[in-house]
Every structure is written in C-alpha cells, then in structure tokens.
C-alpha cells in the first residue's frame, strides 16, 4: 500500500503557485519554487 505524504501543499498555495507560473514577469527562481509547490499538491479530482 502506498503511503501518502502528510506534508502536501494546500489548495490556496497551489493556486498562488499556478498564478506565478503563468505570470511572464516571474523570475526563474519564483517559477522553480512554484513548480515544486505544485508537484507536492494533491492531485485534482476529475469530474465524471
């Protein structure tokens, strides 16, 4: 059985990280941190 990571990025932080990645004025470091945050976010549930 796979263990889940108890330290996951909150939905609010994931939303901000998404904004940073879409912002053309964001620096490489900001985008790197934002990408890391999104990688640790909970997977989005697909609607059926």
PDB file of N, CA and C in Angstrom:
ATOM      1  N   UNK A   1       0.838  -1.165   0.000  1.00  0.00           N
ATOM      2  CA  UNK A   1       0.000   0.000   0.000  1.00  0.00           C
ATOM      3  C   UNK A   1       0.890   1.237   0.000  1.00  0.00           C
ATOM      4  N   UNK A   2       0.556   2.200  -0.844  1.00  0.00           N
ATOM      5  CA  UNK A   2       1.350   3.427  -0.959  1.00  0.00           C
ATOM      6  C   UNK A   2       1.053   4.361   0.207  1.00  0.00           C
ATOM      7  N   UNK A   3       2.095   4.979   0.724  1.00  0.00           N
ATOM      8  CA  UNK A   3       1.916   5.949   1.799  1.00  0.00           C
ATOM      9  C   UNK A   3       1.634   7.317   1.185  1.00  0.00           C
ATOM     10  N   UNK A   4       0.772   8.078   1.831  1.00  0.00           N
ATOM     11  CA  UNK A   4       0.516   9.424   1.348  1.00  0.00           C
ATOM     12  C   UNK A   4       1.420  10.390   2.088  1.00  0.00           C
ATOM     13  N   UNK A   5       1.761  11.460   1.434  1.00  0.00           N
ATOM     14  CA  UNK A   5       2.627  12.468   2.031  1.00  0.00           C
ATOM     15  C   UNK A   5       1.780  13.377   2.918  1.00  0.00           C
ATOM     16  N   UNK A   6       2.039  13.409   4.230  1.00  0.00           N
ATOM     17  CA  UNK A   6       1.243  14.274   5.098  1.00  0.00           C
ATOM     18  C   UNK A   6       1.560  15.754   4.907  1.00  0.00           C
ATOM     19  N   UNK A   7       2.688  16.056   4.308  1.00  0.00           N
ATOM     20  CA  UNK A   7       3.084  17.445   4.078  1.00  0.00           C
ATOM     21  C   UNK A   7       2.831  17.811   2.624  1.00  0.00           C
ATOM     22  N   UNK A   8       1.571  18.070   2.320  1.00  0.00           N
ATOM     23  CA  UNK A   8       1.199  18.433   0.962  1.00  0.00           C
ATOM     24  C   UNK A   8       0.864  19.910   0.896  1.00  0.00           C
ATOM     25  N   UNK A   9       1.066  20.467  -0.270  1.00  0.00           N
ATOM     26  CA  UNK A   9       0.771  21.879  -0.494  1.00  0.00           C
ATOM     27  C   UNK A   9      -0.729  22.117  -0.386  1.00  0.00           C
ATOM     28  N   UNK A  10      -1.107  23.161   0.323  1.00  0.00           N
ATOM     29  CA  UNK A  10      -2.528  23.488   0.478  1.00  0.00           C
ATOM     30  C   UNK A  10      -3.094  23.999  -0.845  1.00  0.00           C
ATOM     31  N   UNK A  11      -4.409  23.893  -1.018  1.00  0.00           N
ATOM     32  CA  UNK A  11      -5.024  24.392  -2.260  1.00  0.00           C
ATOM     33  C   UNK A  11      -4.768  25.883  -2.480  1.00  0.00           C
ATOM     34  N   UNK A  12      -4.739  26.660  -1.410  1.00  0.00           N
ATOM     35  CA  UNK A  12      -4.508  28.111  -1.549  1.00  0.00           C
ATOM     36  C   UNK A  12      -3.100  28.383  -2.087  1.00  0.00           C
ATOM     37  N   UNK A  13      -2.114  27.680  -1.556  1.00  0.00           N
ATOM     38  CA  UNK A  13      -0.736  27.866  -2.015  1.00  0.00           C
ATOM     39  C   UNK A  13      -0.585  27.353  -3.448  1.00  0.00           C
ATOM     40  N   UNK A  14      -1.247  26.255  -3.765  1.00  0.00           N
ATOM     41  CA  UNK A  14      -1.188  25.714  -5.125  1.00  0.00           C
ATOM     42  C   UNK A  14      -1.770  26.700  -6.133  1.00  0.00           C
ATOM     43  N   UNK A  15      -2.833  27.392  -5.730  1.00  0.00           N
ATOM     44  CA  UNK A  15      -3.452  28.383  -6.630  1.00  0.00           C
ATOM     45  C   UNK A  15      -2.485  29.540  -6.888  1.00  0.00           C
ATOM     46  N   UNK A  16      -1.822  30.004  -5.831  1.00  0.00           N
ATOM     47  CA  UNK A  16      -0.844  31.087  -5.982  1.00  0.00           C
ATOM     48  C   UNK A  16       0.335  30.635  -6.843  1.00  0.00           C
ATOM     49  N   UNK A  17       0.774  29.386  -6.655  1.00  0.00           N
ATOM     50  CA  UNK A  17       1.881  28.854  -7.451  1.00  0.00           C
ATOM     51  C   UNK A  17       1.497  28.818  -8.928  1.00  0.00           C
ATOM     52  N   UNK A  18       0.257  28.458  -9.204  1.00  0.00           N
ATOM     53  CA  UNK A  18      -0.224  28.435 -10.582  1.00  0.00           C
ATOM     54  C   UNK A  18      -0.185  29.824 -11.203  1.00  0.00           C
ATOM     55  N   UNK A  19      -0.584  30.838 -10.423  1.00  0.00           N
ATOM     56  CA  UNK A  19      -0.540  32.221 -10.913  1.00  0.00           C
ATOM     57  C   UNK A  19       0.890  32.641 -11.236  1.00  0.00           C
ATOM     58  N   UNK A  20       1.823  32.250 -10.381  1.00  0.00           N
ATOM     59  CA  UNK A  20       3.230  32.609 -10.595  1.00  0.00           C
ATOM     60  C   UNK A  20       3.751  31.976 -11.878  1.00  0.00           C
ATOM     61  N   UNK A  21       3.407  30.718 -12.114  1.00  0.00           N
ATOM     62  CA  UNK A  21       3.883  30.039 -13.313  1.00  0.00           C
ATOM     63  C   UNK A  21       3.316  30.660 -14.591  1.00  0.00           C
ATOM     64  N   UNK A  22       2.117  31.214 -14.515  1.00  0.00           N
ATOM     65  CA  UNK A  22       1.502  31.827 -15.694  1.00  0.00           C
ATOM     66  C   UNK A  22       1.932  33.275 -15.910  1.00  0.00           C
ATOM     67  N   UNK A  23       2.554  33.884 -14.889  1.00  0.00           N
ATOM     68  CA  UNK A  23       2.962  35.282 -14.972  1.00  0.00           C
ATOM     69  C   UNK A  23       4.280  35.403 -15.748  1.00  0.00           C
ATOM     70  N   UNK A  24       4.278  36.106 -16.883  1.00  0.00           N
ATOM     71  CA  UNK A  24       5.512  36.226 -17.669  1.00  0.00           C
ATOM     72  C   UNK A  24       6.595  37.044 -16.964  1.00  0.00           C
ATOM     73  N   UNK A  25       6.247  37.816 -15.946  1.00  0.00           N
ATOM     74  CA  UNK A  25       7.225  38.632 -15.234  1.00  0.00           C
ATOM     75  C   UNK A  25       7.887  37.888 -14.075  1.00  0.00           C
ATOM     76  N   UNK A  26       7.464  36.658 -13.796  1.00  0.00           N
ATOM     77  CA  UNK A  26       8.043  35.885 -12.702  1.00  0.00           C
ATOM     78  C   UNK A  26       9.479  35.488 -13.035  1.00  0.00           C
ATOM     79  N   UNK A  27      10.320  35.469 -12.012  1.00  0.00           N
ATOM     80  CA  UNK A  27      11.718  35.086 -12.211  1.00  0.00           C
ATOM     81  C   UNK A  27      11.845  33.561 -12.280  1.00  0.00           C
ATOM     82  N   UNK A  28      13.014  33.104 -12.704  1.00  0.00           N
ATOM     83  CA  UNK A  28      13.261  31.664 -12.787  1.00  0.00           C
ATOM     84  C   UNK A  28      13.161  31.013 -11.413  1.00  0.00           C
ATOM     85  N   UNK A  29      13.655  31.695 -10.397  1.00  0.00           N
ATOM     86  CA  UNK A  29      13.611  31.140  -9.044  1.00  0.00           C
ATOM     87  C   UNK A  29      12.169  31.026  -8.559  1.00  0.00           C
ATOM     88  N   UNK A  30      11.369  32.061  -8.801  1.00  0.00           N
ATOM     89  CA  UNK A  30       9.957  32.010  -8.407  1.00  0.00           C
ATOM     90  C   UNK A  30       9.243  30.852  -9.101  1.00  0.00           C
ATOM     91  N   UNK A  31       9.521  30.687 -10.380  1.00  0.00           N
ATOM     92  CA  UNK A  31       8.880  29.604 -11.125  1.00  0.00           C
ATOM     93  C   UNK A  31       9.350  28.239 -10.647  1.00  0.00           C
ATOM     94  N   UNK A  32      10.614  28.142 -10.255  1.00  0.00           N
ATOM     95  CA  UNK A  32      11.142  26.887  -9.746  1.00  0.00           C
ATOM     96  C   UNK A  32      10.449  26.495  -8.441  1.00  0.00           C
ATOM     97  N   UNK A  33      10.307  27.457  -7.542  1.00  0.00           N
ATOM     98  CA  UNK A  33       9.645  27.198  -6.257  1.00  0.00           C
ATOM     99  C   UNK A  33       8.168  26.876  -6.480  1.00  0.00           C
ATOM    100  N   UNK A  34       7.525  27.619  -7.368  1.00  0.00           N
ATOM    101  CA  UNK A  34       6.113  27.387  -7.654  1.00  0.00           C
ATOM    102  C   UNK A  34       5.903  25.990  -8.255  1.00  0.00           C
ATOM    103  N   UNK A  35       6.789  25.581  -9.126  1.00  0.00           N
ATOM    104  CA  UNK A  35       6.697  24.247  -9.716  1.00  0.00           C
ATOM    105  C   UNK A  35       6.862  23.160  -8.672  1.00  0.00           C
ATOM    106  N   UNK A  36       7.768  23.381  -7.743  1.00  0.00           N
ATOM    107  CA  UNK A  36       7.968  22.431  -6.651  1.00  0.00           C
ATOM    108  C   UNK A  36       6.714  22.341  -5.789  1.00  0.00           C
ATOM    109  N   UNK A  37       6.109  23.490  -5.510  1.00  0.00           N
ATOM    110  CA  UNK A  37       4.875  23.502  -4.721  1.00  0.00           C
ATOM    111  C   UNK A  37       3.776  22.704  -5.419  1.00  0.00           C
ATOM    112  N   UNK A  38       3.622  22.915  -6.710  1.00  0.00           N
ATOM    113  CA  UNK A  38       2.567  22.206  -7.438  1.00  0.00           C
ATOM    114  C   UNK A  38       2.843  20.708  -7.519  1.00  0.00           C
ATOM    115  N   UNK A  39       4.106  20.339  -7.563  1.00  0.00           N
ATOM    116  CA  UNK A  39       4.449  18.923  -7.613  1.00  0.00           C
ATOM    117  C   UNK A  39       4.048  18.213  -6.317  1.00  0.00           C
ATOM    118  N   UNK A  40       4.001  18.969  -5.215  1.00  0.00           N
ATOM    119  CA  UNK A  40       3.641  18.386  -3.922  1.00  0.00           C
ATOM    120  C   UNK A  40       2.164  18.575  -3.588  1.00  0.00           C
ATOM    121  N   UNK A  41       1.414  19.183  -4.493  1.00  0.00           N
ATOM    122  CA  UNK A  41      -0.011  19.425  -4.250  1.00  0.00           C
ATOM    123  C   UNK A  41      -0.802  18.138  -4.442  1.00  0.00           C
ATOM    124  N   UNK A  42      -1.970  18.111  -3.837  1.00  0.00           N
ATOM    125  CA  UNK A  42      -2.854  16.960  -4.014  1.00  0.00           C
ATOM    126  C   UNK A  42      -3.326  16.917  -5.460  1.00  0.00           C
ATOM    127  N   UNK A  43      -3.450  15.728  -6.018  1.00  0.00           N
ATOM    128  CA  UNK A  43      -3.965  15.636  -7.392  1.00  0.00           C
ATOM    129  C   UNK A  43      -5.395  16.148  -7.468  1.00  0.00           C
ATOM    130  N   UNK A  44      -5.700  16.834  -8.545  1.00  0.00           N
ATOM    131  CA  UNK A  44      -7.043  17.368  -8.746  1.00  0.00           C
ATOM    132  C   UNK A  44      -7.972  16.224  -9.121  1.00  0.00           C
ATOM    133  N   UNK A  45      -9.108  16.136  -8.453  1.00  0.00           N
ATOM    134  CA  UNK A  45     -10.078  15.078  -8.750  1.00  0.00           C
ATOM    135  C   UNK A  45     -10.831  15.421 -10.016  1.00  0.00           C
ATOM    136  N   UNK A  46     -10.923  14.476 -10.922  1.00  0.00           N
ATOM    137  CA  UNK A  46     -11.631  14.681 -12.173  1.00  0.00           C
ATOM    138  C   UNK A  46     -13.120  14.488 -11.966  1.00  0.00           C
ATOM    139  N   UNK A  47     -13.893  15.366 -12.593  1.00  0.00           N
ATOM    140  CA  UNK A  47     -15.352  15.220 -12.527  1.00  0.00           C
ATOM    141  C   UNK A  47     -15.783  14.165 -13.530  1.00  0.00           C
ATOM    142  N   UNK A  48     -16.741  13.369 -13.126  1.00  0.00           N
ATOM    143  CA  UNK A  48     -17.230  12.317 -14.025  1.00  0.00           C
ATOM    144  C   UNK A  48     -18.390  12.781 -14.845  1.00  0.00           C
TER     145      UNK A  48
END
